[in-house]
All heavy atoms as atom14 arrays in JSON, in Angstrom:
{
  "sequence": "AVCCILAVLLAGCGYKDGTYSAEFTNFDSLGYKDRLQITVTD",
  "atom14_mask": [
    [1, 1, 1, 1, 1, 0, 0, 0, 0, 0, 0, 0, 0, 0],
    [1, 1, 1, 1, 1, 1, 1, 0, 0, 0, 0, 0, 0, 0],
    [1, 1, 1, 1, 1, 1, 0, 0, 0, 0, 0, 0, 0, 0],
    [1, 1, 1, 1, 1, 1, 0, 0, 0, 0, 0, 0, 0, 0],
    [1, 1, 1, 1, 1, 1, 1, 1, 0, 0, 0, 0, 0, 0],
    [1, 1, 1, 1, 1, 1, 1, 1, 0, 0, 0, 0, 0, 0],
    [1, 1, 1, 1, 1, 0, 0, 0, 0, 0, 0, 0, 0, 0],
    [1, 1, 1, 1, 1, 1, 1, 0, 0, 0, 0, 0, 0, 0],
    [1, 1, 1, 1, 1, 1, 1, 1, 0, 0, 0, 0, 0, 0],
    [1, 1, 1, 1, 1, 1, 1, 1, 0, 0, 0, 0, 0, 0],
    [1, 1, 1, 1, 1, 0, 0, 0, 0, 0, 0, 0, 0, 0],
    [1, 1, 1, 1, 0, 0, 0, 0, 0, 0, 0, 0, 0, 0],
    [1, 1, 1, 1, 1, 1, 0, 0, 0, 0, 0, 0, 0, 0],
    [1, 1, 1, 1, 0, 0, 0, 0, 0, 0, 0, 0, 0, 0],
    [1, 1, 1, 1, 1, 1, 1, 1, 1, 1, 1, 1, 0, 0],
    [1, 1, 1, 1, 1, 1, 1, 1, 1, 0, 0, 0, 0, 0],
    [1, 1, 1, 1, 1, 1, 1, 1, 0, 0, 0, 0, 0, 0],
    [1, 1, 1, 1, 0, 0, 0, 0, 0, 0, 0, 0, 0, 0],
    [1, 1, 1, 1, 1, 1, 1, 0, 0, 0, 0, 0, 0, 0],
    [1, 1, 1, 1, 1, 1, 1, 1, 1, 1, 1, 1, 0, 0],
    [1, 1, 1, 1, 1, 1, 0, 0, 0, 0, 0, 0, 0, 0],
    [1, 1, 1, 1, 1, 0, 0, 0, 0, 0, 0, 0, 0, 0],
    [1, 1, 1, 1, 1, 1, 1, 1, 1, 0, 0, 0, 0, 0],
    [1, 1, 1, 1, 1, 1, 1, 1, 1, 1, 1, 0, 0, 0],
    [1, 1, 1, 1, 1, 1, 1, 0, 0, 0, 0, 0, 0, 0],
    [1, 1, 1, 1, 1, 1, 1, 1, 0, 0, 0, 0, 0, 0],
    [1, 1, 1, 1, 1, 1, 1, 1, 1, 1, 1, 0, 0, 0],
    [1, 1, 1, 1, 1, 1, 1, 1, 0, 0, 0, 0, 0, 0],
    [1, 1, 1, 1, 1, 1, 0, 0, 0, 0, 0, 0, 0, 0],
    [1, 1, 1, 1, 1, 1, 1, 1, 0, 0, 0, 0, 0, 0],
    [1, 1, 1, 1, 0, 0, 0, 0, 0, 0, 0, 0, 0, 0],
    [1, 1, 1, 1, 1, 1, 1, 1, 1, 1, 1, 1, 0, 0],
    [1, 1, 1, 1, 1, 1, 1, 1, 1, 0, 0, 0, 0, 0],
    [1, 1, 1, 1, 1, 1, 1, 1, 0, 0, 0, 0, 0, 0],
    [1, 1, 1, 1, 1, 1, 1, 1, 1, 1, 1, 0, 0, 0],
    [1, 1, 1, 1, 1, 1, 1, 1, 0, 0, 0, 0, 0, 0],
    [1, 1, 1, 1, 1, 1, 1, 1, 1, 0, 0, 0, 0, 0],
    [1, 1, 1, 1, 1, 1, 1, 1, 0, 0, 0, 0, 0, 0],
    [1, 1, 1, 1, 1, 1, 1, 0, 0, 0, 0, 0, 0, 0],
    [1, 1, 1, 1, 1, 1, 1, 0, 0, 0, 0, 0, 0, 0],
    [1, 1, 1, 1, 1, 1, 1, 0, 0, 0, 0, 0, 0, 0],
    [1, 1, 1, 1, 1, 1, 1, 1, 0, 0, 0, 0, 0, 0]
  ],
  "atom14_positions": [
    [[-15.78, 2.45, -12.58], [-14.57, 3.27, -12.64], [-14.93, 4.75, -12.75], [-14.34, 5.6, -12.06], [-13.71, 2.84, -13.83], [0.0, 0.0, 0.0], [0.0, 0.0, 0.0], [0.0, 0.0, 0.0], [0.0, 0.0, 0.0], [0.0, 0.0, 0.0], [0.0, 0.0, 0.0], [0.0, 0.0, 0.0], [0.0, 0.0, 0.0], [0.0, 0.0, 0.0]],
    [[-15.91, 5.07, -13.59], [-16.33, 6.47, -13.74], [-16.88, 7.0, -12.42], [-16.57, 8.12, -12.0], [-17.36, 6.61, -14.89], [-18.01, 7.98, -14.88], [-16.69, 6.34, -16.22], [0.0, 0.0, 0.0], [0.0, 0.0, 0.0], [0.0, 0.0, 0.0], [0.0, 0.0, 0.0], [0.0, 0.0, 0.0], [0.0, 0.0, 0.0], [0.0, 0.0, 0.0]],
    [[-17.69, 6.21, -11.75], [-18.25, 6.63, -10.46], [-17.14, 6.87, -9.44], [-17.19, 7.84, -8.68], [-19.23, 5.59, -9.93], [-20.79, 5.6, -10.82], [0.0, 0.0, 0.0], [0.0, 0.0, 0.0], [0.0, 0.0, 0.0], [0.0, 0.0, 0.0], [0.0, 0.0, 0.0], [0.0, 0.0, 0.0], [0.0, 0.0, 0.0], [0.0, 0.0, 0.0]],
    [[-16.14, 6.02, -9.41], [-15.03, 6.18, -8.48], [-14.24, 7.45, -8.78], [-13.88, 8.2, -7.87], [-14.1, 4.97, -8.52], [-14.83, 3.5, -7.78], [0.0, 0.0, 0.0], [0.0, 0.0, 0.0], [0.0, 0.0, 0.0], [0.0, 0.0, 0.0], [0.0, 0.0, 0.0], [0.0, 0.0, 0.0], [0.0, 0.0, 0.0], [0.0, 0.0, 0.0]],
    [[-13.99, 7.7, -10.06], [-13.25, 8.91, -10.44], [-14.05, 10.15, -10.06], [-13.5, 11.1, -9.49], [-12.93, 8.89, -11.95], [-11.89, 7.82, -12.24], [-12.46, 10.26, -12.43], [-11.67, 7.53, -13.71], [0.0, 0.0, 0.0], [0.0, 0.0, 0.0], [0.0, 0.0, 0.0], [0.0, 0.0, 0.0], [0.0, 0.0, 0.0], [0.0, 0.0, 0.0]],
    [[-15.35, 10.16, -10.33], [-16.18, 11.3, -9.96], [-16.2, 11.5, -8.45], [-16.15, 12.63, -7.98], [-17.6, 11.11, -10.49], [-17.79, 11.34, -11.98], [-19.22, 10.99, -12.39], [-17.46, 12.76, -12.36], [0.0, 0.0, 0.0], [0.0, 0.0, 0.0], [0.0, 0.0, 0.0], [0.0, 0.0, 0.0], [0.0, 0.0, 0.0], [0.0, 0.0, 0.0]],
    [[-16.27, 10.42, -7.7], [-16.28, 10.54, -6.24], [-14.99, 11.17, -5.75], [-15.01, 12.04, -4.87], [-16.49, 9.17, -5.6], [0.0, 0.0, 0.0], [0.0, 0.0, 0.0], [0.0, 0.0, 0.0], [0.0, 0.0, 0.0], [0.0, 0.0, 0.0], [0.0, 0.0, 0.0], [0.0, 0.0, 0.0], [0.0, 0.0, 0.0], [0.0, 0.0, 0.0]],
    [[-13.86, 10.78, -6.31], [-12.58, 11.36, -5.92], [-12.53, 12.84, -6.29], [-12.1, 13.68, -5.5], [-11.4, 10.59, -6.56], [-10.09, 11.33, -6.38], [-11.31, 9.2, -5.98], [0.0, 0.0, 0.0], [0.0, 0.0, 0.0], [0.0, 0.0, 0.0], [0.0, 0.0, 0.0], [0.0, 0.0, 0.0], [0.0, 0.0, 0.0], [0.0, 0.0, 0.0]],
    [[-12.98, 13.17, -7.49], [-12.96, 14.56, -7.92], [-13.88, 15.42, -7.07], [-13.53, 16.53, -6.67], [-13.35, 14.68, -9.4], [-12.35, 14.14, -10.4], [-12.94, 14.19, -11.81], [-11.04, 14.91, -10.33], [0.0, 0.0, 0.0], [0.0, 0.0, 0.0], [0.0, 0.0, 0.0], [0.0, 0.0, 0.0], [0.0, 0.0, 0.0], [0.0, 0.0, 0.0]],
    [[-15.07, 14.94, -6.78], [-16.02, 15.71, -5.97], [-15.55, 15.84, -4.54], [-15.81, 16.85, -3.89], [-17.41, 15.07, -6.03], [-18.12, 15.18, -7.37], [-19.43, 14.4, -7.34], [-18.36, 16.63, -7.74], [0.0, 0.0, 0.0], [0.0, 0.0, 0.0], [0.0, 0.0, 0.0], [0.0, 0.0, 0.0], [0.0, 0.0, 0.0], [0.0, 0.0, 0.0]],
    [[-14.84, 14.86, -4.05], [-14.32, 14.95, -2.68], [-13.31, 16.08, -2.58], [-13.14, 16.68, -1.53], [-13.68, 13.64, -2.26], [0.0, 0.0, 0.0], [0.0, 0.0, 0.0], [0.0, 0.0, 0.0], [0.0, 0.0, 0.0], [0.0, 0.0, 0.0], [0.0, 0.0, 0.0], [0.0, 0.0, 0.0], [0.0, 0.0, 0.0], [0.0, 0.0, 0.0]],
    [[-12.65, 16.41, -3.68], [-11.69, 17.5, -3.68], [-12.34, 18.86, -3.74], [-11.71, 19.88, -3.51], [0.0, 0.0, 0.0], [0.0, 0.0, 0.0], [0.0, 0.0, 0.0], [0.0, 0.0, 0.0], [0.0, 0.0, 0.0], [0.0, 0.0, 0.0], [0.0, 0.0, 0.0], [0.0, 0.0, 0.0], [0.0, 0.0, 0.0], [0.0, 0.0, 0.0]],
    [[-13.63, 18.91, -4.07], [-14.35, 20.18, -4.12], [-14.83, 20.53, -2.73], [-14.99, 19.68, -1.88], [-15.56, 20.06, -5.04], [-15.11, 19.72, -6.74], [0.0, 0.0, 0.0], [0.0, 0.0, 0.0], [0.0, 0.0, 0.0], [0.0, 0.0, 0.0], [0.0, 0.0, 0.0], [0.0, 0.0, 0.0], [0.0, 0.0, 0.0], [0.0, 0.0, 0.0]],
    [[-15.11, 21.79, -2.51], [-15.64, 22.22, -1.23], [-14.55, 22.39, -0.19], [-13.37, 22.45, -0.49], [0.0, 0.0, 0.0], [0.0, 0.0, 0.0], [0.0, 0.0, 0.0], [0.0, 0.0, 0.0], [0.0, 0.0, 0.0], [0.0, 0.0, 0.0], [0.0, 0.0, 0.0], [0.0, 0.0, 0.0], [0.0, 0.0, 0.0], [0.0, 0.0, 0.0]],
    [[-15.0, 22.46, 1.04], [-14.1, 22.77, 2.15], [-13.81, 21.54, 3.01], [-14.66, 20.69, 3.21], [-14.71, 23.85, 3.03], [-15.02, 25.13, 2.29], [-16.28, 25.69, 2.34], [-14.05, 25.77, 1.54], [-16.57, 26.86, 1.67], [-14.33, 26.94, 0.87], [-15.59, 27.48, 0.94], [-15.87, 28.64, 0.28], [0.0, 0.0, 0.0], [0.0, 0.0, 0.0]],
    [[-12.61, 21.51, 3.56], [-12.21, 20.46, 4.49], [-12.55, 20.93, 5.9], [-12.45, 22.12, 6.22], [-10.7, 20.19, 4.4], [-10.22, 19.86, 3.0], [-10.55, 18.46, 2.63], [-9.89, 18.13, 1.3], [-10.64, 17.26, 0.48], [0.0, 0.0, 0.0], [0.0, 0.0, 0.0], [0.0, 0.0, 0.0], [0.0, 0.0, 0.0], [0.0, 0.0, 0.0]],
    [[-12.89, 20.01, 6.76], [-13.22, 20.34, 8.14], [-12.01, 20.93, 8.86], [-10.87, 20.53, 8.63], [-13.7, 19.1, 8.88], [-15.06, 18.63, 8.4], [-15.65, 19.28, 7.52], [-15.54, 17.6, 8.92], [0.0, 0.0, 0.0], [0.0, 0.0, 0.0], [0.0, 0.0, 0.0], [0.0, 0.0, 0.0], [0.0, 0.0, 0.0], [0.0, 0.0, 0.0]],
    [[-12.27, 21.89, 9.73], [-11.22, 22.51, 10.52], [-11.58, 23.94, 10.86], [-12.63, 24.45, 10.48], [0.0, 0.0, 0.0], [0.0, 0.0, 0.0], [0.0, 0.0, 0.0], [0.0, 0.0, 0.0], [0.0, 0.0, 0.0], [0.0, 0.0, 0.0], [0.0, 0.0, 0.0], [0.0, 0.0, 0.0], [0.0, 0.0, 0.0], [0.0, 0.0, 0.0]],
    [[-10.68, 24.6, 11.58], [-10.84, 26.01, 11.91], [-9.73, 26.77, 11.22], [-8.55, 26.41, 11.37], [-10.83, 26.23, 13.43], [-11.93, 25.51, 14.0], [-10.96, 27.7, 13.78], [0.0, 0.0, 0.0], [0.0, 0.0, 0.0], [0.0, 0.0, 0.0], [0.0, 0.0, 0.0], [0.0, 0.0, 0.0], [0.0, 0.0, 0.0], [0.0, 0.0, 0.0]],
    [[-10.1, 27.77, 10.47], [-9.17, 28.54, 9.64], [-9.21, 30.01, 10.05], [-10.28, 30.52, 10.41], [-9.57, 28.41, 8.16], [-9.66, 26.98, 7.72], [-10.85, 26.27, 7.81], [-8.55, 26.31, 7.23], [-10.95, 24.94, 7.44], [-8.62, 24.98, 6.84], [-9.83, 24.3, 6.95], [-9.9, 22.99, 6.57], [0.0, 0.0, 0.0], [0.0, 0.0, 0.0]],
    [[-8.06, 30.67, 9.99], [-8.05, 32.09, 10.32], [-7.06, 32.84, 9.45], [-6.04, 32.29, 9.02], [-7.71, 32.3, 11.8], [-6.39, 31.86, 12.06], [0.0, 0.0, 0.0], [0.0, 0.0, 0.0], [0.0, 0.0, 0.0], [0.0, 0.0, 0.0], [0.0, 0.0, 0.0], [0.0, 0.0, 0.0], [0.0, 0.0, 0.0], [0.0, 0.0, 0.0]],
    [[-7.42, 34.08, 9.19], [-6.54, 34.99, 8.44], [-6.64, 36.35, 9.1], [-7.71, 36.75, 9.57], [-6.96, 35.07, 6.98], [0.0, 0.0, 0.0], [0.0, 0.0, 0.0], [0.0, 0.0, 0.0], [0.0, 0.0, 0.0], [0.0, 0.0, 0.0], [0.0, 0.0, 0.0], [0.0, 0.0, 0.0], [0.0, 0.0, 0.0], [0.0, 0.0, 0.0]],
    [[-5.51, 37.04, 9.15], [-5.51, 38.4, 9.7], [-4.46, 39.23, 8.99], [-3.55, 38.69, 8.34], [-5.28, 38.4, 11.2], [-3.9, 38.01, 11.63], [-3.72, 38.06, 13.16], [-4.72, 38.05, 13.9], [-2.58, 38.08, 13.59], [0.0, 0.0, 0.0], [0.0, 0.0, 0.0], [0.0, 0.0, 0.0], [0.0, 0.0, 0.0], [0.0, 0.0, 0.0]],
    [[-4.6, 40.53, 9.11], [-3.64, 41.43, 8.49], [-2.35, 41.46, 9.29], [-2.32, 41.11, 10.47], [-4.23, 42.83, 8.32], [-5.24, 42.87, 7.22], [-6.59, 42.82, 7.49], [-4.84, 42.9, 5.9], [-7.52, 42.83, 6.47], [-5.75, 42.89, 4.86], [-7.1, 42.86, 5.15], [0.0, 0.0, 0.0], [0.0, 0.0, 0.0], [0.0, 0.0, 0.0]],
    [[-1.29, 41.9, 8.65], [0.03, 41.92, 9.25], [0.13, 42.91, 10.4], [0.67, 42.6, 11.46], [1.09, 42.28, 8.18], [0.96, 41.38, 7.09], [2.49, 42.21, 8.74], [0.0, 0.0, 0.0], [0.0, 0.0, 0.0], [0.0, 0.0, 0.0], [0.0, 0.0, 0.0], [0.0, 0.0, 0.0], [0.0, 0.0, 0.0], [0.0, 0.0, 0.0]],
    [[-0.41, 44.1, 10.2], [-0.23, 45.19, 11.18], [-1.55, 45.75, 11.67], [-2.59, 45.55, 11.04], [0.57, 46.33, 10.53], [1.96, 45.88, 10.13], [2.74, 45.43, 10.95], [2.26, 45.98, 8.84], [0.0, 0.0, 0.0], [0.0, 0.0, 0.0], [0.0, 0.0, 0.0], [0.0, 0.0, 0.0], [0.0, 0.0, 0.0], [0.0, 0.0, 0.0]],
    [[-1.47, 46.48, 12.77], [-2.62, 47.19, 13.29], [-2.82, 48.45, 12.45], [-1.86, 49.07, 12.01], [-2.42, 47.54, 14.76], [-2.37, 46.32, 15.64], [-1.16, 45.73, 15.97], [-3.53, 45.75, 16.13], [-1.1, 44.6, 16.76], [-3.5, 44.62, 16.93], [-2.28, 44.04, 17.24], [0.0, 0.0, 0.0], [0.0, 0.0, 0.0], [0.0, 0.0, 0.0]],
    [[-4.09, 48.85, 12.25], [-4.36, 50.05, 11.46], [-4.19, 51.31, 12.32], [-3.83, 51.23, 13.49], [-5.75, 49.97, 10.82], [-6.9, 49.94, 11.83], [-6.72, 50.35, 13.01], [-7.99, 49.49, 11.45], [0.0, 0.0, 0.0], [0.0, 0.0, 0.0], [0.0, 0.0, 0.0], [0.0, 0.0, 0.0], [0.0, 0.0, 0.0], [0.0, 0.0, 0.0]],
    [[-4.46, 52.45, 11.72], [-4.26, 53.72, 12.42], [-5.22, 53.91, 13.6], [-4.98, 54.77, 14.45], [-4.42, 54.9, 11.44], [-5.74, 54.91, 10.91], [0.0, 0.0, 0.0], [0.0, 0.0, 0.0], [0.0, 0.0, 0.0], [0.0, 0.0, 0.0], [0.0, 0.0, 0.0], [0.0, 0.0, 0.0], [0.0, 0.0, 0.0], [0.0, 0.0, 0.0]],
    [[-6.26, 53.1, 13.67], [-7.21, 53.17, 14.79], [-6.91, 52.11, 15.85], [-7.64, 51.96, 16.82], [-8.64, 53.03, 14.27], [-9.06, 54.12, 13.28], [-10.43, 53.81, 12.69], [-9.05, 55.49, 13.94], [0.0, 0.0, 0.0], [0.0, 0.0, 0.0], [0.0, 0.0, 0.0], [0.0, 0.0, 0.0], [0.0, 0.0, 0.0], [0.0, 0.0, 0.0]],
    [[-5.83, 51.34, 15.63], [-5.39, 50.38, 16.63], [-5.97, 48.98, 16.5], [-5.86, 48.18, 17.43], [0.0, 0.0, 0.0], [0.0, 0.0, 0.0], [0.0, 0.0, 0.0], [0.0, 0.0, 0.0], [0.0, 0.0, 0.0], [0.0, 0.0, 0.0], [0.0, 0.0, 0.0], [0.0, 0.0, 0.0], [0.0, 0.0, 0.0], [0.0, 0.0, 0.0]],
    [[-6.58, 48.66, 15.37], [-7.17, 47.33, 15.18], [-6.55, 46.61, 13.99], [-6.08, 47.23, 13.04], [-8.69, 47.43, 14.96], [-9.42, 47.73, 16.24], [-9.75, 49.04, 16.58], [-9.75, 46.72, 17.12], [-10.4, 49.32, 17.77], [-10.4, 46.99, 18.31], [-10.72, 48.28, 18.63], [-11.36, 48.55, 19.81], [0.0, 0.0, 0.0], [0.0, 0.0, 0.0]],
    [[-6.59, 45.3, 14.08], [-6.14, 44.42, 13.0], [-7.33, 43.5, 12.68], [-7.76, 42.73, 13.53], [-4.95, 43.6, 13.49], [-4.36, 42.66, 12.47], [-3.34, 41.69, 13.05], [-2.22, 42.32, 13.82], [-1.13, 41.36, 14.11], [0.0, 0.0, 0.0], [0.0, 0.0, 0.0], [0.0, 0.0, 0.0], [0.0, 0.0, 0.0], [0.0, 0.0, 0.0]],
    [[-7.87, 43.63, 11.48], [-9.02, 42.8, 11.12], [-8.59, 41.35, 10.91], [-7.5, 41.08, 10.42], [-9.7, 43.32, 9.86], [-10.57, 44.54, 10.13], [-11.0, 44.72, 11.3], [-10.83, 45.3, 9.19], [0.0, 0.0, 0.0], [0.0, 0.0, 0.0], [0.0, 0.0, 0.0], [0.0, 0.0, 0.0], [0.0, 0.0, 0.0], [0.0, 0.0, 0.0]],
    [[-9.51, 40.44, 11.29], [-9.25, 39.02, 11.12], [-10.56, 38.31, 10.8], [-11.64, 38.79, 11.12], [-8.6, 38.43, 12.36], [-9.51, 38.37, 13.55], [-8.85, 37.72, 14.74], [-9.75, 37.78, 15.89], [-9.39, 37.53, 17.11], [-8.16, 37.2, 17.37], [-10.27, 37.59, 18.08], [0.0, 0.0, 0.0], [0.0, 0.0, 0.0], [0.0, 0.0, 0.0]],
    [[-10.42, 37.17, 10.16], [-11.57, 36.32, 9.8], [-11.25, 34.91, 10.28], [-10.2, 34.36, 9.95], [-11.78, 36.34, 8.29], [-12.9, 35.46, 7.73], [-14.26, 35.84, 8.31], [-12.92, 35.53, 6.21], [0.0, 0.0, 0.0], [0.0, 0.0, 0.0], [0.0, 0.0, 0.0], [0.0, 0.0, 0.0], [0.0, 0.0, 0.0], [0.0, 0.0, 0.0]],
    [[-12.15, 34.36, 11.08], [-11.99, 32.97, 11.55], [-13.22, 32.19, 11.11], [-14.35, 32.63, 11.32], [-11.85, 32.92, 13.06], [-11.63, 31.5, 13.56], [-11.29, 31.46, 15.03], [-10.55, 32.3, 15.53], [-11.85, 30.5, 15.73], [0.0, 0.0, 0.0], [0.0, 0.0, 0.0], [0.0, 0.0, 0.0], [0.0, 0.0, 0.0], [0.0, 0.0, 0.0]],
    [[-12.97, 31.03, 10.5], [-14.04, 30.21, 9.95], [-13.89, 28.77, 10.44], [-12.79, 28.22, 10.42], [-14.0, 30.24, 8.41], [-14.31, 31.66, 7.92], [-14.96, 29.22, 7.81], [-14.19, 31.84, 6.44], [0.0, 0.0, 0.0], [0.0, 0.0, 0.0], [0.0, 0.0, 0.0], [0.0, 0.0, 0.0], [0.0, 0.0, 0.0], [0.0, 0.0, 0.0]],
    [[-15.0, 28.2, 10.87], [-15.02, 26.79, 11.26], [-15.87, 26.02, 10.24], [-16.98, 26.44, 9.91], [-15.62, 26.61, 12.67], [-14.84, 27.37, 13.59], [-15.63, 25.15, 13.08], [0.0, 0.0, 0.0], [0.0, 0.0, 0.0], [0.0, 0.0, 0.0], [0.0, 0.0, 0.0], [0.0, 0.0, 0.0], [0.0, 0.0, 0.0], [0.0, 0.0, 0.0]],
    [[-15.3, 24.92, 9.75], [-15.98, 24.06, 8.77], [-16.2, 22.7, 9.42], [-15.28, 22.11, 9.98], [-15.12, 23.9, 7.49], [-15.79, 22.93, 6.52], [-14.86, 25.24, 6.83], [0.0, 0.0, 0.0], [0.0, 0.0, 0.0], [0.0, 0.0, 0.0], [0.0, 0.0, 0.0], [0.0, 0.0, 0.0], [0.0, 0.0, 0.0], [0.0, 0.0, 0.0]],
    [[-17.44, 22.22, 9.34], [-17.82, 20.9, 9.85], [-18.62, 20.19, 8.76], [-19.57, 20.77, 8.24], [-18.66, 21.03, 11.13], [-17.96, 21.84, 12.08], [-18.94, 19.67, 11.74], [0.0, 0.0, 0.0], [0.0, 0.0, 0.0], [0.0, 0.0, 0.0], [0.0, 0.0, 0.0], [0.0, 0.0, 0.0], [0.0, 0.0, 0.0], [0.0, 0.0, 0.0]],
    [[-18.2, 18.99, 8.44], [-18.87, 18.2, 7.38], [-18.94, 18.99, 6.07], [-19.94, 18.92, 5.34], [-20.26, 17.76, 7.81], [-20.22, 16.82, 9.01], [-19.24, 16.05, 9.13], [-21.17, 16.84, 9.82], [0.0, 0.0, 0.0], [0.0, 0.0, 0.0], [0.0, 0.0, 0.0], [0.0, 0.0, 0.0], [0.0, 0.0, 0.0], [0.0, 0.0, 0.0]]
  ]
}
């Protein structure tokens, strides 16, 4: 039971597989909008 609980808890840690992105709402005064795109595998 303890091993199962730990496995469930540890599975919740870390990152889930997928491609994630975030960017700012508007373009800056130089005409750019910064963004970060991250891909997670395993």
